[in-house]
Amino acid sequence: MNKTWLIIKREYLTRVTKKTFIILTLLGPILMAGLITAIMWIGMEDSEHQRILVVDDQYPTFEILKSTSDVEFDYDNYTIEYAKEIFYKSDYTAVLYIPKNIAYANNAMLYFKKQPSLNSIKNIENKVEKIVEDLKLELFKIDRADFEKVNTNFHLNAVKFSSEGTEEKMDTEKNAVGFVFGLMIYFFIFLYGVQVMRGVIEEKTSRIVEVIISSVKPFQLMMGKIIGVAMVGLTQFLLWIILTTILYTFAVTLIIGNNYGADVVSSTQMSAEIMQNMQPDNGISAKQLIENGNIISRINFPLMLSMFGFYFLFGYLLYSAMFAAVGSAVDSETDVQQFMLPITLPLIAAYMISIFAVQNPNGPAAFWFSIFPLTSPIVMMVRLAIGVGDGGIPLWEVATSMALLIIGFVITVWLASKIYRIGLLMYGKRPSYKEMLRWLIKAEK
């Protein structure tokens, strides 16, 4: 174990002291925090003032269009031809053309110089729609009060009801968060697994390995390299989480907080459904509604982070053993391609299944792929987002998945070590699958 520890220490210190590791560790959080902040900023930013010329073929039916701080309506008895003629010479940002048959066509035209935001377009649609409704009610002799009684905006709320009597809204946003965790494992396994393979190839081609294995066993060398790179990955990941959180919090507090009021920031965390149901006499505080609508508060992050650590670690150890075996069997990276398909195929399949698992986390495909060791690190993270236990994933499924992953890791390392032991000293010959199978049988004897 002392020799294995020396190899782990060497692999770890050699990699974390490289300039590329330091640059990526510092640059990654800056880019991630900047991207998240930019997306949030763009999502909240809609300050462009729209000045719209309204051309109404039923003049003056739509003169009741009300201007707001974001959208200003100028109403005049122009033809659409004249409006188009003066459009680019004026300071109008758009021309809203309402045809004579709008009550039947349900369509109008919006001509713009610079495309307005979706929020602005939706705002205009809502205002016009209200007037069109009034026109239809008058046309068909329907009273507005009667219409409001029968007008139905149906929505089905799916709620998970536990045996303790607690209720929790079911949505796919949680599964999307789980998909992000699974996607991170997918990329990290590739990133650090390939590092293990390249490290083995470099030592083999430089003949340094011949000196090393005179002092340590091949299995110790393989495990030391795998664990050392794993520690590098965990170190980088933890630093990314800490630094990204700090930078994001700083950016939101100083940049967004200074440009938007607390009410605006809070409103971005509420869904339209919550805003509509925020009545003063319903017994639910605004704070509770905001927390229920915020995806961050609905995710069990202690569970997700702990499971991420487990599935990332053992998923990486399982795949890196295969990467190390491939690296020991070839003399250069150009010979790697023929052996990469069996390794990458389960990862690609897991990624594809995880996309479907977002919509149906309890489906047969999601279940079986979350149990199978080669795909469980990615697929299970999607399913874990809905919770474990009552109303979520049964505890026995999670325990089975974790146990099989550990067993799969042990078996994979045992088989990979046999290929590693022989392939490490093989030079000048490109091995085939048949020959690698013979190595396994020979090692067994």
Protein backbone atom coordinates (compact mmCIF):
# COMPACT_ATOMS: atom_id res chain seq x y z
CA MET A 1 0.00 0.00 0.00
CA ASN A 2 2.94 2.31 0.65
CA LYS A 3 4.08 1.92 -2.97
CA THR A 4 0.56 2.46 -4.25
CA TRP A 5 0.29 5.61 -2.16
CA LEU A 6 3.55 6.92 -3.66
CA ILE A 7 2.13 6.41 -7.16
CA ILE A 8 -1.13 8.14 -6.17
CA LYS A 9 0.82 11.05 -4.70
CA ARG A 10 3.00 11.32 -7.82
CA GLU A 11 0.03 11.26 -10.20
CA TYR A 12 -1.87 13.81 -8.11
CA LEU A 13 0.94 16.32 -7.54
CA THR A 14 2.24 16.06 -11.10
CA ARG A 15 -1.16 16.99 -12.52
CA VAL A 16 -2.39 19.62 -10.05
CA THR A 17 0.85 21.60 -10.33
CA LYS A 18 0.61 21.89 -14.10
CA LYS A 19 -0.22 25.33 -15.51
CA THR A 20 -3.07 23.87 -17.57
CA PHE A 21 -4.77 22.49 -14.44
CA ILE A 22 -4.46 25.80 -12.59
CA ILE A 23 -5.69 27.81 -15.59
CA LEU A 24 -8.67 25.52 -16.21
CA THR A 25 -9.55 25.42 -12.51
CA LEU A 26 -9.65 29.21 -12.35
CA LEU A 27 -11.06 29.85 -15.82
CA GLY A 28 -13.85 27.24 -15.58
CA PRO A 29 -15.75 28.91 -12.69
CA ILE A 30 -15.34 32.35 -14.27
CA LEU A 31 -16.86 31.11 -17.53
CA MET A 32 -19.65 29.16 -15.80
CA ALA A 33 -20.57 31.96 -13.40
CA GLY A 34 -20.37 34.49 -16.22
CA LEU A 35 -22.58 32.38 -18.47
CA ILE A 36 -25.21 31.82 -15.77
CA THR A 37 -25.20 35.51 -14.86
CA ALA A 38 -25.41 36.55 -18.52
CA ILE A 39 -28.37 34.23 -19.14
CA MET A 40 -30.15 35.59 -16.07
CA TRP A 41 -29.36 39.17 -17.10
CA ILE A 42 -30.62 38.66 -20.65
CA GLY A 43 -33.72 36.89 -19.35
CA MET A 44 -34.55 39.82 -17.07
CA GLU A 45 -33.49 42.56 -19.46
CA ASP A 46 -36.41 43.84 -21.53
CA SER A 47 -36.09 47.57 -21.17
CA GLU A 48 -36.38 48.53 -24.85
CA HIS A 49 -39.26 50.95 -25.23
CA GLN A 50 -41.63 50.12 -28.09
CA ARG A 51 -43.46 52.95 -29.88
CA ILE A 52 -46.06 51.35 -32.11
CA LEU A 53 -48.21 52.95 -34.80
CA VAL A 54 -51.62 51.25 -34.89
CA VAL A 55 -53.33 51.01 -38.28
CA ASP A 56 -56.94 49.91 -37.87
CA ASP A 57 -59.20 49.03 -40.80
CA GLN A 58 -62.13 49.27 -38.35
CA TYR A 59 -61.10 52.72 -37.10
CA PRO A 60 -61.73 53.70 -34.31
CA THR A 61 -62.47 50.27 -32.80
CA PHE A 62 -59.00 49.68 -31.36
CA GLU A 63 -58.33 53.18 -30.05
CA ILE A 64 -58.87 51.79 -26.55
CA LEU A 65 -55.49 50.04 -26.68
CA LYS A 66 -53.74 51.16 -23.52
CA SER A 67 -50.08 52.16 -23.46
CA THR A 68 -47.73 50.97 -20.74
CA SER A 69 -44.24 51.92 -19.64
CA ASP A 70 -42.80 49.42 -22.14
CA VAL A 71 -45.24 49.75 -25.05
CA GLU A 72 -46.68 53.03 -26.34
CA PHE A 73 -49.51 52.94 -28.89
CA ASP A 74 -50.03 55.81 -31.35
CA TYR A 75 -53.47 55.53 -32.97
CA ASP A 76 -54.37 57.30 -36.20
CA ASN A 77 -56.63 56.81 -39.21
CA TYR A 78 -53.85 55.82 -41.63
CA THR A 79 -53.89 53.22 -44.38
CA ILE A 80 -51.35 50.43 -44.18
CA GLU A 81 -49.73 51.69 -47.41
CA TYR A 82 -49.18 55.15 -45.96
CA ALA A 83 -47.91 53.69 -42.68
CA LYS A 84 -45.33 51.62 -44.53
CA GLU A 85 -44.29 54.68 -46.53
CA ILE A 86 -43.53 56.78 -43.44
CA PHE A 87 -42.35 53.91 -41.22
CA TYR A 88 -38.59 54.18 -41.73
CA LYS A 89 -38.68 57.98 -41.70
CA SER A 90 -40.43 58.02 -38.32
CA ASP A 91 -39.31 57.09 -34.83
CA TYR A 92 -41.83 54.25 -34.60
CA THR A 93 -40.31 50.89 -33.71
CA ALA A 94 -43.21 48.89 -35.19
CA VAL A 95 -46.49 49.13 -37.08
CA LEU A 96 -49.45 47.10 -35.85
CA TYR A 97 -51.87 46.43 -38.70
CA ILE A 98 -55.35 45.24 -37.68
CA PRO A 99 -57.37 44.02 -40.70
CA LYS A 100 -61.10 44.51 -41.08
CA ASN A 101 -61.90 40.81 -40.71
CA ILE A 102 -59.90 40.30 -37.52
CA ALA A 103 -62.93 38.93 -35.66
CA TYR A 104 -62.96 35.99 -38.06
CA ALA A 105 -59.31 35.71 -39.07
CA ASN A 106 -57.90 36.03 -35.52
CA ASN A 107 -54.70 37.43 -37.02
CA ALA A 108 -52.99 40.79 -37.22
CA MET A 109 -49.64 41.93 -38.62
CA LEU A 110 -46.73 43.50 -36.75
CA TYR A 111 -44.10 45.18 -38.91
CA PHE A 112 -40.90 46.03 -37.10
CA LYS A 113 -37.47 47.52 -37.78
CA LYS A 114 -35.75 45.62 -35.02
CA GLN A 115 -37.33 42.45 -33.71
CA PRO A 116 -39.00 43.09 -30.33
CA SER A 117 -38.71 40.68 -27.44
CA LEU A 118 -41.14 37.80 -27.01
CA ASN A 119 -42.47 39.51 -23.88
CA SER A 120 -43.32 42.64 -25.86
CA ILE A 121 -45.06 40.64 -28.59
CA LYS A 122 -47.02 38.66 -26.01
CA ASN A 123 -48.01 41.87 -24.26
CA ILE A 124 -49.38 43.31 -27.52
CA GLU A 125 -51.18 40.06 -28.32
CA ASN A 126 -52.93 40.05 -24.95
CA LYS A 127 -54.14 43.63 -25.36
CA VAL A 128 -55.47 43.04 -28.88
CA GLU A 129 -57.00 39.71 -27.91
CA LYS A 130 -59.11 41.34 -25.20
CA ILE A 131 -60.62 43.79 -27.69
CA VAL A 132 -61.21 41.03 -30.27
CA GLU A 133 -63.07 39.05 -27.62
CA ASP A 134 -65.33 42.04 -26.98
CA LEU A 135 -66.00 42.32 -30.73
CA LYS A 136 -67.00 38.65 -30.93
CA LEU A 137 -69.19 38.89 -27.86
CA GLU A 138 -71.01 41.82 -29.39
CA LEU A 139 -71.22 40.07 -32.76
CA PHE A 140 -72.81 36.94 -31.31
CA LYS A 141 -74.87 38.81 -28.72
CA ILE A 142 -73.15 37.23 -25.74
CA ASP A 143 -72.94 39.00 -22.42
CA ARG A 144 -69.42 39.44 -21.02
CA ALA A 145 -70.53 38.21 -17.59
CA ASP A 146 -71.97 35.02 -19.08
CA PHE A 147 -68.81 34.51 -21.14
CA GLU A 148 -66.58 34.77 -18.08
CA LYS A 149 -68.68 32.14 -16.36
CA VAL A 150 -68.17 29.54 -19.11
CA ASN A 151 -64.71 30.54 -20.31
CA THR A 152 -62.38 27.80 -19.02
CA ASN A 153 -58.60 27.74 -18.86
CA PHE A 154 -58.11 24.13 -17.81
CA HIS A 155 -54.87 23.00 -16.18
CA LEU A 156 -54.07 19.63 -14.62
CA ASN A 157 -51.86 19.79 -11.51
CA ALA A 158 -50.01 16.53 -10.88
CA VAL A 159 -49.22 16.24 -7.16
CA LYS A 160 -47.26 13.52 -5.39
CA PHE A 161 -49.14 12.46 -2.23
CA SER A 162 -47.03 10.64 0.37
CA SER A 163 -48.18 8.20 3.03
CA GLU A 164 -47.53 10.91 5.67
CA GLY A 165 -50.04 13.16 3.96
CA THR A 166 -47.55 15.64 2.51
CA GLU A 167 -48.08 17.01 -0.99
CA GLU A 168 -45.47 17.95 -3.55
CA LYS A 169 -45.98 19.24 -7.08
CA MET A 170 -44.64 16.88 -9.74
CA ASP A 171 -42.74 18.50 -12.58
CA THR A 172 -40.00 17.73 -15.09
CA GLU A 173 -37.76 20.59 -13.94
CA LYS A 174 -36.29 18.35 -11.24
CA ASN A 175 -35.50 15.69 -13.80
CA ALA A 176 -33.78 18.32 -15.93
CA VAL A 177 -31.53 19.17 -12.97
CA GLY A 178 -30.77 15.45 -12.59
CA PHE A 179 -29.95 15.32 -16.31
CA VAL A 180 -27.38 18.09 -15.79
CA PHE A 181 -25.74 16.07 -13.00
CA GLY A 182 -25.69 12.98 -15.22
CA LEU A 183 -24.26 14.99 -18.10
CA MET A 184 -21.44 16.22 -15.86
CA ILE A 185 -20.59 12.62 -14.93
CA TYR A 186 -20.64 11.73 -18.64
CA PHE A 187 -18.09 14.42 -19.48
CA PHE A 188 -15.92 13.85 -16.41
CA ILE A 189 -15.64 10.11 -17.09
CA PHE A 190 -14.49 10.84 -20.62
CA LEU A 191 -12.16 13.65 -19.57
CA TYR A 192 -10.33 11.90 -16.74
CA GLY A 193 -10.59 8.38 -18.20
CA VAL A 194 -8.75 9.55 -21.33
CA GLN A 195 -6.11 11.16 -19.08
CA VAL A 196 -5.47 7.77 -17.48
CA MET A 197 -5.17 6.11 -20.89
CA ARG A 198 -2.79 8.76 -22.22
CA GLY A 199 -0.66 8.56 -19.09
CA VAL A 200 -0.29 4.78 -19.53
CA ILE A 201 0.57 5.18 -23.23
CA GLU A 202 3.19 7.85 -22.49
CA GLU A 203 4.90 5.75 -19.83
CA LYS A 204 4.82 2.68 -22.05
CA THR A 205 6.23 4.38 -25.16
CA SER A 206 8.97 6.13 -23.16
CA ARG A 207 9.91 2.81 -21.52
CA ILE A 208 9.66 4.40 -18.08
CA VAL A 209 7.19 1.71 -17.11
CA GLU A 210 9.89 -0.94 -17.39
CA VAL A 211 11.75 0.74 -14.54
CA ILE A 212 8.61 1.33 -12.48
CA ILE A 213 7.33 -2.26 -12.55
CA SER A 214 10.67 -3.50 -11.32
CA SER A 215 9.68 -1.97 -7.98
CA VAL A 216 5.88 -2.24 -7.96
CA LYS A 217 3.34 -4.74 -9.21
CA PRO A 218 1.37 -3.83 -12.37
CA PHE A 219 -1.88 -3.87 -10.38
CA GLN A 220 -0.46 -1.38 -7.87
CA LEU A 221 0.69 0.84 -10.72
CA MET A 222 -2.72 0.73 -12.42
CA MET A 223 -4.68 1.45 -9.23
CA GLY A 224 -2.27 4.19 -8.18
CA LYS A 225 -2.69 5.92 -11.53
CA ILE A 226 -6.49 5.54 -11.51
CA ILE A 227 -6.96 6.78 -7.95
CA GLY A 228 -4.47 9.61 -8.42
CA VAL A 229 -6.33 10.97 -11.44
CA ALA A 230 -9.64 10.49 -9.58
CA MET A 231 -8.37 12.71 -6.77
CA VAL A 232 -7.35 15.32 -9.35
CA GLY A 233 -10.87 15.23 -10.81
CA LEU A 234 -12.56 15.53 -7.41
CA THR A 235 -10.24 18.39 -6.43
CA GLN A 236 -11.01 20.28 -9.63
CA PHE A 237 -14.74 19.63 -9.33
CA LEU A 238 -14.92 20.83 -5.71
CA LEU A 239 -12.95 23.96 -6.56
CA TRP A 240 -15.28 24.62 -9.50
CA ILE A 241 -18.35 24.35 -7.26
CA ILE A 242 -16.92 26.63 -4.56
CA LEU A 243 -15.51 29.26 -6.92
CA THR A 244 -18.56 29.25 -9.23
CA THR A 245 -20.90 29.71 -6.26
CA ILE A 246 -18.83 32.59 -4.88
CA LEU A 247 -18.50 34.34 -8.25
CA TYR A 248 -22.18 33.85 -9.13
CA THR A 249 -23.35 35.17 -5.76
CA PHE A 250 -21.05 38.16 -6.10
CA ALA A 251 -22.26 38.90 -9.65
CA VAL A 252 -25.95 38.61 -8.75
CA THR A 253 -25.54 40.78 -5.64
CA LEU A 254 -23.49 43.59 -7.19
CA ILE A 255 -24.64 43.64 -10.80
CA ILE A 256 -28.21 42.38 -10.99
CA GLY A 257 -29.09 43.58 -7.50
CA ASN A 258 -28.04 47.12 -8.35
CA ASN A 259 -30.09 47.28 -11.54
CA TYR A 260 -33.30 45.55 -10.48
CA GLY A 261 -35.45 45.91 -7.46
CA ALA A 262 -36.11 43.04 -5.12
CA ASP A 263 -39.62 42.68 -6.48
CA VAL A 264 -38.32 42.16 -10.02
CA VAL A 265 -35.73 39.60 -8.96
CA SER A 266 -38.32 37.72 -6.94
CA SER A 267 -40.80 37.76 -9.77
CA THR A 268 -38.37 35.93 -12.03
CA GLN A 269 -38.52 33.01 -9.63
CA MET A 270 -42.29 32.69 -9.84
CA SER A 271 -44.27 30.84 -12.44
CA ALA A 272 -47.34 32.37 -14.05
CA GLU A 273 -49.48 29.91 -12.14
CA ILE A 274 -48.15 31.14 -8.79
CA MET A 275 -48.68 34.77 -9.71
CA GLN A 276 -52.28 34.08 -10.72
CA ASN A 277 -53.05 32.23 -7.51
CA MET A 278 -51.40 34.69 -5.14
CA GLN A 279 -54.54 35.79 -3.32
CA PRO A 280 -54.30 37.57 0.04
CA ASP A 281 -56.92 35.38 1.66
CA ASN A 282 -55.83 31.89 0.59
CA GLY A 283 -53.81 31.23 3.74
CA ILE A 284 -50.48 30.92 1.90
CA SER A 285 -47.82 33.59 2.22
CA ALA A 286 -46.07 35.07 -0.78
CA LYS A 287 -42.78 33.75 0.58
CA GLN A 288 -44.09 30.19 0.58
CA LEU A 289 -45.36 30.56 -2.96
CA ILE A 290 -42.00 31.85 -4.17
CA GLU A 291 -40.16 29.01 -2.47
CA ASN A 292 -42.54 26.44 -3.96
CA GLY A 293 -42.07 27.91 -7.42
CA ASN A 294 -38.27 28.13 -7.19
CA ILE A 295 -36.58 25.05 -8.64
CA ILE A 296 -33.57 25.56 -6.35
CA SER A 297 -35.70 25.09 -3.22
CA ARG A 298 -37.44 22.00 -4.64
CA ILE A 299 -34.26 20.00 -5.26
CA ASN A 300 -32.75 17.88 -2.47
CA PHE A 301 -29.20 19.05 -3.11
CA PRO A 302 -27.56 17.16 -0.18
CA LEU A 303 -28.92 13.93 -1.70
CA MET A 304 -27.97 14.91 -5.24
CA LEU A 305 -24.43 16.00 -4.33
CA SER A 306 -23.74 12.92 -2.22
CA MET A 307 -25.07 10.60 -4.93
CA PHE A 308 -23.13 12.55 -7.53
CA GLY A 309 -19.94 11.94 -5.54
CA PHE A 310 -20.65 8.20 -5.31
CA TYR A 311 -21.68 7.65 -8.94
CA PHE A 312 -18.95 9.87 -10.31
CA LEU A 313 -16.26 8.13 -8.24
CA PHE A 314 -17.25 4.52 -8.93
CA GLY A 315 -18.35 5.24 -12.48
CA TYR A 316 -15.00 6.83 -13.15
CA LEU A 317 -13.10 3.98 -11.45
CA LEU A 318 -14.98 1.41 -13.52
CA TYR A 319 -14.37 3.13 -16.86
CA SER A 320 -10.84 4.29 -16.10
CA ALA A 321 -9.84 0.66 -15.49
CA MET A 322 -10.98 -0.10 -19.04
CA PHE A 323 -9.19 3.00 -20.37
CA ALA A 324 -6.02 1.90 -18.56
CA ALA A 325 -6.28 -1.60 -20.05
CA VAL A 326 -6.65 -0.14 -23.55
CA GLY A 327 -3.71 2.19 -22.97
CA SER A 328 -1.50 -0.70 -21.90
CA ALA A 329 -2.40 -2.77 -24.96
CA VAL A 330 -1.42 -0.20 -27.62
CA ASP A 331 1.79 1.60 -28.54
CA SER A 332 0.27 4.94 -29.63
CA GLU A 333 -2.97 6.89 -29.53
CA THR A 334 -3.57 6.14 -33.21
CA ASP A 335 -4.11 2.47 -32.31
CA VAL A 336 -6.73 3.29 -29.68
CA GLN A 337 -9.71 3.81 -32.00
CA GLN A 338 -10.50 0.12 -32.55
CA PHE A 339 -10.88 -0.45 -28.80
CA MET A 340 -12.81 2.72 -27.94
CA LEU A 341 -16.22 1.65 -29.27
CA PRO A 342 -16.94 -0.98 -26.58
CA ILE A 343 -16.06 1.59 -23.91
CA THR A 344 -17.90 4.59 -25.33
CA LEU A 345 -21.02 2.76 -26.53
CA PRO A 346 -22.51 2.22 -23.02
CA LEU A 347 -21.80 5.86 -22.15
CA ILE A 348 -23.52 7.11 -25.30
CA ALA A 349 -26.46 4.77 -24.66
CA ALA A 350 -26.72 6.08 -21.09
CA TYR A 351 -26.77 9.66 -22.38
CA MET A 352 -29.54 8.86 -24.86
CA ILE A 353 -31.65 7.00 -22.29
CA SER A 354 -31.23 9.84 -19.77
CA ILE A 355 -32.90 12.21 -22.26
CA PHE A 356 -36.01 10.00 -22.26
CA ALA A 357 -35.75 9.49 -18.49
CA VAL A 358 -36.34 13.22 -18.00
CA GLN A 359 -39.91 12.72 -19.26
CA ASN A 360 -40.47 9.26 -17.74
CA PRO A 361 -38.06 8.56 -14.85
CA ASN A 362 -39.97 5.44 -13.77
CA GLY A 363 -40.23 3.83 -17.21
CA PRO A 364 -38.78 0.36 -17.91
CA ALA A 365 -35.82 1.71 -19.91
CA ALA A 366 -34.92 4.24 -17.20
CA PHE A 367 -35.20 1.53 -14.53
CA TRP A 368 -33.02 -1.10 -16.19
CA PHE A 369 -30.36 1.32 -17.39
CA SER A 370 -30.17 2.86 -13.90
CA ILE A 371 -29.43 -0.63 -12.51
CA PHE A 372 -26.88 -1.77 -15.11
CA PRO A 373 -23.39 -0.75 -13.84
CA LEU A 374 -22.09 0.61 -17.16
CA THR A 375 -25.00 3.08 -17.52
CA SER A 376 -26.24 3.63 -13.96
CA PRO A 377 -23.88 6.54 -13.09
CA ILE A 378 -25.63 8.74 -15.68
CA VAL A 379 -29.22 7.46 -15.81
CA MET A 380 -29.67 7.09 -12.05
CA MET A 381 -28.78 10.75 -11.48
CA VAL A 382 -31.82 11.75 -13.58
CA ARG A 383 -34.11 9.50 -11.55
CA LEU A 384 -32.68 10.57 -8.18
CA ALA A 385 -33.86 14.14 -8.76
CA ILE A 386 -37.48 13.13 -8.01
CA GLY A 387 -36.42 11.87 -4.57
CA VAL A 388 -35.88 8.57 -2.82
CA GLY A 389 -38.45 6.70 -0.77
CA ASP A 390 -42.12 7.52 -0.49
CA GLY A 391 -43.34 8.90 -3.80
CA GLY A 392 -39.89 8.80 -5.38
CA ILE A 393 -37.53 6.00 -6.36
CA PRO A 394 -37.83 2.96 -4.07
CA LEU A 395 -34.86 2.68 -1.75
CA TRP A 396 -34.15 -0.89 -2.86
CA GLU A 397 -33.63 0.28 -6.45
CA VAL A 398 -31.00 2.81 -5.37
CA ALA A 399 -29.30 0.26 -3.08
CA THR A 400 -29.28 -2.35 -5.86
CA SER A 401 -27.86 0.13 -8.35
CA MET A 402 -25.09 1.17 -5.95
CA ALA A 403 -24.24 -2.43 -5.01
CA LEU A 404 -24.09 -3.59 -8.64
CA LEU A 405 -21.90 -0.60 -9.53
CA ILE A 406 -19.42 -1.53 -6.81
CA ILE A 407 -19.46 -5.20 -7.91
CA GLY A 408 -19.07 -4.11 -11.55
CA PHE A 409 -16.11 -1.96 -10.57
CA VAL A 410 -14.39 -4.85 -8.77
CA ILE A 411 -14.93 -7.27 -11.68
CA THR A 412 -13.83 -4.71 -14.27
CA VAL A 413 -10.65 -3.86 -12.36
CA TRP A 414 -9.89 -7.57 -11.92
CA LEU A 415 -10.24 -8.23 -15.68
CA ALA A 416 -8.51 -5.00 -16.72
CA SER A 417 -5.52 -5.77 -14.48
CA LYS A 418 -4.92 -9.02 -16.40
CA ILE A 419 -4.75 -7.17 -19.72
CA TYR A 420 -2.74 -4.39 -18.12
CA ARG A 421 -0.13 -6.80 -16.71
CA ILE A 422 0.64 -8.39 -20.07
CA GLY A 423 -0.02 -5.48 -22.42
CA LEU A 424 2.27 -3.14 -20.50
CA LEU A 425 5.39 -4.94 -21.78
CA MET A 426 4.11 -5.77 -25.28
CA TYR A 427 5.71 -3.66 -28.02
CA GLY A 428 5.62 -3.47 -31.79
CA LYS A 429 2.38 -5.39 -32.32
CA ARG A 430 -1.16 -4.12 -32.60
CA PRO A 431 -3.31 -6.50 -30.52
CA SER A 432 -6.76 -7.71 -31.56
CA TYR A 433 -9.79 -8.54 -29.46
CA LYS A 434 -8.97 -12.21 -29.87
CA GLU A 435 -5.45 -11.71 -28.59
CA MET A 436 -6.63 -9.65 -25.61
CA LEU A 437 -9.04 -12.48 -24.77
CA ARG A 438 -6.08 -14.87 -24.88
CA TRP A 439 -4.26 -12.60 -22.44
CA LEU A 440 -7.15 -12.93 -20.03
CA ILE A 441 -7.10 -16.74 -20.29
CA LYS A 442 -3.32 -16.86 -20.02
CA ALA A 443 -3.34 -14.58 -16.99
CA GLU A 444 -5.96 -16.80 -15.41
CA LYS A 445 -3.72 -19.84 -15.81
